[in-house]
Amino acid sequence: MLIHNNYLNVKHNQFSDEEYMVNQLWFLKHIFYDEIAAILDNNRQYLGLTNRFGDLFDCGSEILGHTFSIYRDSSLSSSVEKAEQEIINKKLPNDSVCQIKQNGQVKLYLIRKRPIINSATGNCLGIFTSAALLNLATHSNIIYRIMSGRQNKNEVILNEQLSDEQHQIVACLLMGFHQRKEIASILHNITNKEYSERQIKYYLTKLYQQYNCSTISELIELIINSTERDLKLPAFSIPETMNELNN
């Protein structure tokens, strides 16, 4: 972290906890108004949210003063609120990736949650939450081109006949999960179905055959260079509108 010398020894603010939270809500309203963002208090109740946050999670003023579970009473709510309580208790940030169904399509979002800590008192007052859309195919392609210095694309067409499991495995590979055990765990988390390492090996072998390659690195390169579109994630294999993917 780099900070100008003129500000290194500046005394902490003198805000009370209530004043500090009001200040954070002012930032949400006037600075982060066009972001997907929200603020929760230390009881995990929503104090403010942007219009884009409300649109994404299909909620409005009814959630103010309430927790996440008001509009999604499920095991996912319990998982989210447990993670939020840990952020407040330990004063540590948390990042997660969620699949969210929008207009019949399933998209990946990076969810970032940061504790709101009053520097004057040291108290954790709540959580600042923000979200950003992840386009794995496009982002991976850009990163690959920059790092490799290659501009030409291989003439490979994404096979639309891939099974649902293969599409999910491709998503795992692009996110950096390459071990069969962790892929099996992620697929179980997404679909609530049990997967063995042997099954993952079978699906990977089929992908090798369809892309005419023999290693994961070759497979990823071919996938990255074969599509500019969003990665297909089968909606019917995801039981809820929003599904959190944990490592």
C-alpha atoms as a PDB file:
ATOM      1  CA  MET A   1       0.000   0.000   0.000  1.00  0.00           C
ATOM      2  CA  LEU A   2       1.357   3.437  -0.952  1.00  0.00           C
ATOM      3  CA  ILE A   3       0.099   6.576   0.803  1.00  0.00           C
ATOM      4  CA  HIS A   4       1.361  10.133   0.398  1.00  0.00           C
ATOM      5  CA  ASN A   5       3.546  11.258   3.302  1.00  0.00           C
ATOM      6  CA  ASN A   6       1.224  14.181   4.035  1.00  0.00           C
ATOM      7  CA  TYR A   7      -1.463  11.706   5.077  1.00  0.00           C
ATOM      8  CA  LEU A   8       0.537   8.997   6.838  1.00  0.00           C
ATOM      9  CA  ASN A   9       0.327  10.584  10.278  1.00  0.00           C
ATOM     10  CA  VAL A  10      -3.136  12.079  10.040  1.00  0.00           C
ATOM     11  CA  LYS A  11      -5.224  11.261  13.118  1.00  0.00           C
ATOM     12  CA  HIS A  12      -8.123   8.869  12.777  1.00  0.00           C
ATOM     13  CA  ASN A  13     -11.602  10.252  12.246  1.00  0.00           C
ATOM     14  CA  GLN A  14     -13.673  11.181  15.265  1.00  0.00           C
ATOM     15  CA  PHE A  15     -16.942   9.735  13.961  1.00  0.00           C
ATOM     16  CA  SER A  16     -19.172   7.769  16.271  1.00  0.00           C
ATOM     17  CA  ASP A  17     -20.225   4.383  14.874  1.00  0.00           C
ATOM     18  CA  GLU A  18     -23.574   5.788  13.784  1.00  0.00           C
ATOM     19  CA  GLU A  19     -21.944   8.786  12.102  1.00  0.00           C
ATOM     20  CA  TYR A  20     -19.440   6.547  10.332  1.00  0.00           C
ATOM     21  CA  MET A  21     -22.210   4.310   8.963  1.00  0.00           C
ATOM     22  CA  VAL A  22     -24.122   7.368   7.745  1.00  0.00           C
ATOM     23  CA  ASN A  23     -20.945   8.411   5.945  1.00  0.00           C
ATOM     24  CA  GLN A  24     -20.679   4.987   4.280  1.00  0.00           C
ATOM     25  CA  LEU A  25     -24.290   5.209   3.122  1.00  0.00           C
ATOM     26  CA  TRP A  26     -23.535   8.650   1.662  1.00  0.00           C
ATOM     27  CA  PHE A  27     -20.702   7.064  -0.366  1.00  0.00           C
ATOM     28  CA  LEU A  28     -23.070   4.321  -1.541  1.00  0.00           C
ATOM     29  CA  LYS A  29     -25.653   6.890  -2.676  1.00  0.00           C
ATOM     30  CA  HIS A  30     -23.331   9.442  -4.263  1.00  0.00           C
ATOM     31  CA  ILE A  31     -20.179   7.544  -5.285  1.00  0.00           C
ATOM     32  CA  PHE A  32     -21.187   3.914  -5.868  1.00  0.00           C
ATOM     33  CA  TYR A  33     -24.725   4.612  -7.115  1.00  0.00           C
ATOM     34  CA  ASP A  34     -24.039   3.077 -10.533  1.00  0.00           C
ATOM     35  CA  GLU A  35     -22.385  -0.081  -9.140  1.00  0.00           C
ATOM     36  CA  ILE A  36     -23.906  -3.368  -8.049  1.00  0.00           C
ATOM     37  CA  ALA A  37     -23.498  -2.642  -4.351  1.00  0.00           C
ATOM     38  CA  ALA A  38     -25.175  -2.790  -0.958  1.00  0.00           C
ATOM     39  CA  ILE A  39     -24.464  -2.082   2.706  1.00  0.00           C
ATOM     40  CA  LEU A  40     -25.447  -4.334   5.622  1.00  0.00           C
ATOM     41  CA  ASP A  41     -25.237  -3.555   9.346  1.00  0.00           C
ATOM     42  CA  ASN A  42     -23.578  -5.837  11.901  1.00  0.00           C
ATOM     43  CA  ASN A  43     -26.850  -7.751  12.274  1.00  0.00           C
ATOM     44  CA  ARG A  44     -26.558  -8.584   8.533  1.00  0.00           C
ATOM     45  CA  GLN A  45     -29.615  -6.431   7.800  1.00  0.00           C
ATOM     46  CA  TYR A  46     -29.638  -4.349   4.616  1.00  0.00           C
ATOM     47  CA  LEU A  47     -29.381  -0.599   5.167  1.00  0.00           C
ATOM     48  CA  GLY A  48     -28.978   0.458   1.542  1.00  0.00           C
ATOM     49  CA  LEU A  49     -28.618  -0.938  -1.970  1.00  0.00           C
ATOM     50  CA  THR A  50     -28.189   0.454  -5.450  1.00  0.00           C
ATOM     51  CA  ASN A  51     -30.789   0.026  -8.177  1.00  0.00           C
ATOM     52  CA  ARG A  52     -28.465  -2.339 -10.054  1.00  0.00           C
ATOM     53  CA  PHE A  53     -28.095  -4.515  -6.941  1.00  0.00           C
ATOM     54  CA  GLY A  54     -31.864  -4.656  -6.579  1.00  0.00           C
ATOM     55  CA  ASP A  55     -32.302  -5.558 -10.250  1.00  0.00           C
ATOM     56  CA  LEU A  56     -29.696  -8.315 -10.086  1.00  0.00           C
ATOM     57  CA  PHE A  57     -31.016  -9.971  -6.941  1.00  0.00           C
ATOM     58  CA  ASP A  58     -34.668  -9.149  -7.609  1.00  0.00           C
ATOM     59  CA  CYS A  59     -35.243  -7.229  -4.390  1.00  0.00           C
ATOM     60  CA  GLY A  60     -36.365  -3.755  -3.395  1.00  0.00           C
ATOM     61  CA  SER A  61     -37.260  -1.674  -0.362  1.00  0.00           C
ATOM     62  CA  GLU A  62     -38.823  -4.709   1.335  1.00  0.00           C
ATOM     63  CA  ILE A  63     -35.355  -6.041   2.169  1.00  0.00           C
ATOM     64  CA  LEU A  64     -34.277  -2.897   4.030  1.00  0.00           C
ATOM     65  CA  GLY A  65     -34.017  -3.731   7.718  1.00  0.00           C
ATOM     66  CA  HIS A  66     -34.006  -7.445   6.936  1.00  0.00           C
ATOM     67  CA  THR A  67     -31.458 -10.150   6.178  1.00  0.00           C
ATOM     68  CA  PHE A  68     -30.841 -12.096   2.969  1.00  0.00           C
ATOM     69  CA  SER A  69     -33.279 -14.826   4.025  1.00  0.00           C
ATOM     70  CA  ILE A  70     -36.324 -12.557   3.626  1.00  0.00           C
ATOM     71  CA  TYR A  71     -36.514 -13.343  -0.083  1.00  0.00           C
ATOM     72  CA  ARG A  72     -34.637 -16.620  -0.313  1.00  0.00           C
ATOM     73  CA  ASP A  73     -35.375 -19.003   2.554  1.00  0.00           C
ATOM     74  CA  SER A  74     -33.102 -21.947   1.833  1.00  0.00           C
ATOM     75  CA  SER A  75     -29.832 -23.649   2.625  1.00  0.00           C
ATOM     76  CA  LEU A  76     -28.197 -20.971   0.451  1.00  0.00           C
ATOM     77  CA  SER A  77     -29.482 -18.285   2.828  1.00  0.00           C
ATOM     78  CA  SER A  78     -27.937 -20.121   5.773  1.00  0.00           C
ATOM     79  CA  SER A  79     -24.624 -20.392   3.927  1.00  0.00           C
ATOM     80  CA  VAL A  80     -24.627 -16.701   2.985  1.00  0.00           C
ATOM     81  CA  GLU A  81     -25.516 -15.502   6.461  1.00  0.00           C
ATOM     82  CA  LYS A  82     -22.913 -17.776   8.068  1.00  0.00           C
ATOM     83  CA  ALA A  83     -20.229 -16.302   5.791  1.00  0.00           C
ATOM     84  CA  GLU A  84     -21.436 -12.757   6.534  1.00  0.00           C
ATOM     85  CA  GLN A  85     -21.319 -13.360  10.283  1.00  0.00           C
ATOM     86  CA  GLU A  86     -17.739 -14.589   9.945  1.00  0.00           C
ATOM     87  CA  ILE A  87     -16.800 -11.387   8.087  1.00  0.00           C
ATOM     88  CA  ILE A  88     -18.218  -9.326  10.963  1.00  0.00           C
ATOM     89  CA  ASN A  89     -16.693 -11.446  13.727  1.00  0.00           C
ATOM     90  CA  LYS A  90     -13.213 -11.746  12.214  1.00  0.00           C
ATOM     91  CA  LYS A  91     -13.170  -8.400  10.339  1.00  0.00           C
ATOM     92  CA  LEU A  92     -11.898 -10.178   7.244  1.00  0.00           C
ATOM     93  CA  PRO A  93     -12.963  -9.796   3.567  1.00  0.00           C
ATOM     94  CA  ASN A  94     -14.663 -12.548   1.596  1.00  0.00           C
ATOM     95  CA  ASP A  95     -14.846 -13.260  -2.148  1.00  0.00           C
ATOM     96  CA  SER A  96     -17.117 -15.808  -3.787  1.00  0.00           C
ATOM     97  CA  VAL A  97     -18.429 -16.704  -7.223  1.00  0.00           C
ATOM     98  CA  CYS A  98     -22.150 -17.145  -7.780  1.00  0.00           C
ATOM     99  CA  GLN A  99     -24.223 -18.453 -10.645  1.00  0.00           C
ATOM    100  CA  ILE A 100     -27.277 -16.252 -11.143  1.00  0.00           C
ATOM    101  CA  LYS A 101     -30.134 -17.005 -13.516  1.00  0.00           C
ATOM    102  CA  GLN A 102     -31.182 -13.985 -15.598  1.00  0.00           C
ATOM    103  CA  ASN A 103     -33.825 -14.182 -18.322  1.00  0.00           C
ATOM    104  CA  GLY A 104     -33.306 -17.914 -18.667  1.00  0.00           C
ATOM    105  CA  GLN A 105     -29.521 -17.585 -18.896  1.00  0.00           C
ATOM    106  CA  VAL A 106     -27.041 -18.483 -16.179  1.00  0.00           C
ATOM    107  CA  LYS A 107     -24.211 -16.021 -15.560  1.00  0.00           C
ATOM    108  CA  LEU A 108     -21.239 -15.944 -13.219  1.00  0.00           C
ATOM    109  CA  TYR A 109     -20.761 -13.049 -10.808  1.00  0.00           C
ATOM    110  CA  LEU A 110     -17.860 -12.251  -8.526  1.00  0.00           C
ATOM    111  CA  ILE A 111     -19.291 -11.256  -5.128  1.00  0.00           C
ATOM    112  CA  ARG A 112     -16.938  -9.223  -2.926  1.00  0.00           C
ATOM    113  CA  LYS A 113     -17.774  -8.497   0.708  1.00  0.00           C
ATOM    114  CA  ARG A 114     -15.675  -6.200   2.882  1.00  0.00           C
ATOM    115  CA  PRO A 115     -16.064  -5.377   6.594  1.00  0.00           C
ATOM    116  CA  ILE A 116     -16.943  -1.762   7.388  1.00  0.00           C
ATOM    117  CA  ILE A 117     -14.623  -0.806  10.240  1.00  0.00           C
ATOM    118  CA  ASN A 118     -14.755   2.534  12.033  1.00  0.00           C
ATOM    119  CA  SER A 119     -11.096   3.505  12.465  1.00  0.00           C
ATOM    120  CA  ALA A 120     -12.008   5.708  15.453  1.00  0.00           C
ATOM    121  CA  THR A 121     -13.515   2.874  17.502  1.00  0.00           C
ATOM    122  CA  GLY A 122     -12.170  -0.261  15.793  1.00  0.00           C
ATOM    123  CA  ASN A 123     -15.692  -1.664  15.646  1.00  0.00           C
ATOM    124  CA  CYS A 124     -17.007  -3.621  12.657  1.00  0.00           C
ATOM    125  CA  LEU A 125     -20.256  -1.879  11.757  1.00  0.00           C
ATOM    126  CA  GLY A 126     -21.354  -4.068   8.875  1.00  0.00           C
ATOM    127  CA  ILE A 127     -20.476  -5.204   5.376  1.00  0.00           C
ATOM    128  CA  PHE A 128     -19.997  -3.468   2.040  1.00  0.00           C
ATOM    129  CA  THR A 129     -21.034  -5.855  -0.754  1.00  0.00           C
ATOM    130  CA  SER A 130     -20.294  -5.442  -4.457  1.00  0.00           C
ATOM    131  CA  ALA A 131     -20.717  -7.677  -7.502  1.00  0.00           C
ATOM    132  CA  ALA A 132     -19.226  -7.839 -10.996  1.00  0.00           C
ATOM    133  CA  LEU A 133     -20.152  -9.950 -14.003  1.00  0.00           C
ATOM    134  CA  LEU A 134     -17.583 -12.559 -15.061  1.00  0.00           C
ATOM    135  CA  ASN A 135     -17.363 -13.491 -18.719  1.00  0.00           C
ATOM    136  CA  LEU A 136     -14.965 -16.419 -18.540  1.00  0.00           C
ATOM    137  CA  ALA A 137     -14.660 -17.072 -22.237  1.00  0.00           C
ATOM    138  CA  THR A 138     -14.012 -13.449 -23.163  1.00  0.00           C
ATOM    139  CA  HIS A 139     -11.809 -12.624 -20.176  1.00  0.00           C
ATOM    140  CA  SER A 140      -9.714 -15.765 -20.545  1.00  0.00           C
ATOM    141  CA  ASN A 141      -9.278 -15.062 -24.245  1.00  0.00           C
ATOM    142  CA  ILE A 142      -8.027 -11.524 -23.585  1.00  0.00           C
ATOM    143  CA  ILE A 143      -5.626 -12.698 -20.881  1.00  0.00           C
ATOM    144  CA  TYR A 144      -4.348 -15.485 -23.096  1.00  0.00           C
ATOM    145  CA  ARG A 145      -3.679 -13.137 -26.027  1.00  0.00           C
ATOM    146  CA  ILE A 146      -1.859 -10.605 -23.858  1.00  0.00           C
ATOM    147  CA  MET A 147       0.317 -13.200 -22.117  1.00  0.00           C
ATOM    148  CA  SER A 148       1.128 -15.255 -25.202  1.00  0.00           C
ATOM    149  CA  GLY A 149       1.471 -12.384 -27.679  1.00  0.00           C
ATOM    150  CA  ARG A 150      -0.615 -14.366 -30.155  1.00  0.00           C
ATOM    151  CA  GLN A 151      -3.302 -12.631 -32.183  1.00  0.00           C
ATOM    152  CA  ASN A 152      -4.462 -15.261 -34.659  1.00  0.00           C
ATOM    153  CA  LYS A 153      -7.227 -17.613 -33.610  1.00  0.00           C
ATOM    154  CA  ASN A 154      -7.218 -21.308 -34.334  1.00  0.00           C
ATOM    155  CA  GLU A 155     -10.089 -22.418 -36.514  1.00  0.00           C
ATOM    156  CA  VAL A 156     -11.801 -24.488 -33.874  1.00  0.00           C
ATOM    157  CA  ILE A 157     -15.553 -24.359 -33.314  1.00  0.00           C
ATOM    158  CA  LEU A 158     -17.028 -24.887 -29.863  1.00  0.00           C
ATOM    159  CA  ASN A 159     -18.946 -28.140 -29.927  1.00  0.00           C
ATOM    160  CA  GLU A 160     -22.533 -27.308 -28.991  1.00  0.00           C
ATOM    161  CA  GLN A 161     -23.225 -31.007 -28.393  1.00  0.00           C
ATOM    162  CA  LEU A 162     -21.201 -31.111 -25.176  1.00  0.00           C
ATOM    163  CA  SER A 163     -23.053 -32.644 -22.260  1.00  0.00           C
ATOM    164  CA  ASP A 164     -24.158 -30.545 -19.298  1.00  0.00           C
ATOM    165  CA  GLU A 165     -21.382 -32.067 -17.189  1.00  0.00           C
ATOM    166  CA  GLN A 166     -18.784 -31.230 -19.841  1.00  0.00           C
ATOM    167  CA  HIS A 167     -19.901 -27.595 -19.965  1.00  0.00           C
ATOM    168  CA  GLN A 168     -19.592 -27.401 -16.181  1.00  0.00           C
ATOM    169  CA  ILE A 169     -16.133 -29.002 -16.320  1.00  0.00           C
ATOM    170  CA  VAL A 170     -15.034 -26.494 -18.970  1.00  0.00           C
ATOM    171  CA  ALA A 171     -16.120 -23.694 -16.611  1.00  0.00           C
ATOM    172  CA  CYS A 172     -14.051 -25.253 -13.818  1.00  0.00           C
ATOM    173  CA  LEU A 173     -10.991 -25.516 -16.076  1.00  0.00           C
ATOM    174  CA  LEU A 174     -11.261 -21.867 -17.130  1.00  0.00           C
ATOM    175  CA  MET A 175     -11.525 -20.821 -13.470  1.00  0.00           C
ATOM    176  CA  GLY A 176      -8.264 -22.644 -12.750  1.00  0.00           C
ATOM    177  CA  PHE A 177      -9.577 -25.845 -11.161  1.00  0.00           C
ATOM    178  CA  HIS A 178      -7.714 -28.698 -12.869  1.00  0.00           C
ATOM    179  CA  GLN A 179      -7.663 -31.529 -10.307  1.00  0.00           C
ATOM    180  CA  ARG A 180     -10.338 -34.188 -10.774  1.00  0.00           C
ATOM    181  CA  LYS A 181     -11.097 -34.255  -7.036  1.00  0.00           C
ATOM    182  CA  GLU A 182     -11.778 -30.513  -6.807  1.00  0.00           C
ATOM    183  CA  ILE A 183     -13.792 -30.547 -10.048  1.00  0.00           C
ATOM    184  CA  ALA A 184     -15.952 -33.354  -8.628  1.00  0.00           C
ATOM    185  CA  SER A 185     -16.479 -31.312  -5.460  1.00  0.00           C
ATOM    186  CA  ILE A 186     -17.452 -28.179  -7.401  1.00  0.00           C
ATOM    187  CA  LEU A 187     -19.909 -30.087  -9.623  1.00  0.00           C
ATOM    188  CA  HIS A 188     -21.464 -31.592  -6.515  1.00  0.00           C
ATOM    189  CA  ASN A 189     -21.810 -28.100  -5.036  1.00  0.00           C
ATOM    190  CA  ILE A 190     -23.422 -26.787  -8.223  1.00  0.00           C
ATOM    191  CA  THR A 191     -25.788 -29.654  -9.017  1.00  0.00           C
ATOM    192  CA  ASN A 192     -26.288 -31.441  -5.667  1.00  0.00           C
ATOM    193  CA  LYS A 193     -25.297 -34.668  -7.453  1.00  0.00           C
ATOM    194  CA  GLU A 194     -22.457 -36.947  -6.426  1.00  0.00           C
ATOM    195  CA  TYR A 195     -19.480 -37.170  -8.806  1.00  0.00           C
ATOM    196  CA  SER A 196     -16.472 -39.456  -8.532  1.00  0.00           C
ATOM    197  CA  GLU A 197     -12.981 -38.778  -9.848  1.00  0.00           C
ATOM    198  CA  ARG A 198     -13.507 -41.654 -12.283  1.00  0.00           C
ATOM    199  CA  GLN A 199     -16.576 -39.896 -13.745  1.00  0.00           C
ATOM    200  CA  ILE A 200     -14.640 -36.645 -14.114  1.00  0.00           C
ATOM    201  CA  LYS A 201     -11.853 -38.535 -15.875  1.00  0.00           C
ATOM    202  CA  TYR A 202     -14.444 -40.000 -18.265  1.00  0.00           C
ATOM    203  CA  TYR A 203     -15.890 -36.562 -19.116  1.00  0.00           C
ATOM    204  CA  LEU A 204     -12.396 -35.128 -19.567  1.00  0.00           C
ATOM    205  CA  THR A 205     -11.471 -37.992 -21.902  1.00  0.00           C
ATOM    206  CA  LYS A 206     -14.539 -37.231 -23.998  1.00  0.00           C
ATOM    207  CA  LEU A 207     -13.500 -33.570 -24.142  1.00  0.00           C
ATOM    208  CA  TYR A 208     -10.005 -34.598 -25.281  1.00  0.00           C
ATOM    209  CA  GLN A 209     -11.561 -36.650 -28.051  1.00  0.00           C
ATOM    210  CA  GLN A 210     -13.934 -33.902 -29.161  1.00  0.00           C
ATOM    211  CA  TYR A 211     -11.176 -31.268 -29.215  1.00  0.00           C
ATOM    212  CA  ASN A 212      -8.559 -33.656 -30.587  1.00  0.00           C
ATOM    213  CA  CYS A 213      -6.008 -33.097 -27.808  1.00  0.00           C
ATOM    214  CA  SER A 214      -4.447 -35.047 -24.955  1.00  0.00           C
ATOM    215  CA  THR A 215      -3.699 -32.618 -22.076  1.00  0.00           C
ATOM    216  CA  ILE A 216      -5.612 -30.080 -19.999  1.00  0.00           C
ATOM    217  CA  SER A 217      -3.353 -27.233 -21.130  1.00  0.00           C
ATOM    218  CA  GLU A 218      -4.037 -28.068 -24.801  1.00  0.00           C
ATOM    219  CA  LEU A 219      -7.760 -28.352 -24.075  1.00  0.00           C
ATOM    220  CA  ILE A 220      -7.890 -24.948 -22.363  1.00  0.00           C
ATOM    221  CA  GLU A 221      -5.971 -23.326 -25.228  1.00  0.00           C
ATOM    222  CA  LEU A 222      -8.360 -24.762 -27.802  1.00  0.00           C
ATOM    223  CA  ILE A 223     -11.438 -23.724 -25.808  1.00  0.00           C
ATOM    224  CA  ILE A 224     -10.124 -20.192 -25.287  1.00  0.00           C
ATOM    225  CA  ASN A 225      -9.340 -19.764 -28.966  1.00  0.00           C
ATOM    226  CA  SER A 226     -12.575 -21.262 -30.228  1.00  0.00           C
ATOM    227  CA  THR A 227     -15.226 -18.936 -28.835  1.00  0.00           C
ATOM    228  CA  GLU A 228     -15.941 -15.289 -28.133  1.00  0.00           C
ATOM    229  CA  ARG A 229     -19.280 -16.093 -26.553  1.00  0.00           C
ATOM    230  CA  ASP A 230     -20.251 -16.637 -22.955  1.00  0.00           C
ATOM    231  CA  LEU A 231     -19.603 -20.129 -21.745  1.00  0.00           C
ATOM    232  CA  LYS A 232     -22.772 -22.197 -21.752  1.00  0.00           C
ATOM    233  CA  LEU A 233     -23.906 -23.168 -18.260  1.00  0.00           C
ATOM    234  CA  PRO A 234     -27.038 -25.363 -18.302  1.00  0.00           C
ATOM    235  CA  ALA A 235     -29.712 -23.654 -16.234  1.00  0.00           C
ATOM    236  CA  PHE A 236     -31.672 -26.794 -15.407  1.00  0.00           C
ATOM    237  CA  SER A 237     -28.712 -28.291 -13.543  1.00  0.00           C
ATOM    238  CA  ILE A 238     -28.758 -25.413 -11.062  1.00  0.00           C
ATOM    239  CA  PRO A 239     -31.508 -25.857  -8.459  1.00  0.00           C
ATOM    240  CA  GLU A 240     -31.807 -22.209  -7.341  1.00  0.00           C
ATOM    241  CA  THR A 241     -31.854 -18.790  -8.956  1.00  0.00           C
ATOM    242  CA  MET A 242     -28.560 -17.998  -7.255  1.00  0.00           C
ATOM    243  CA  ASN A 243     -26.016 -20.664  -6.399  1.00  0.00           C
ATOM    244  CA  GLU A 244     -22.809 -19.884  -4.528  1.00  0.00           C
ATOM    245  CA  LEU A 245     -19.681 -21.714  -5.659  1.00  0.00           C
ATOM    246  CA  ASN A 246     -17.263 -22.278  -2.815  1.00  0.00           C
ATOM    247  CA  ASN A 247     -13.709 -23.573  -3.081  1.00  0.00           C
END
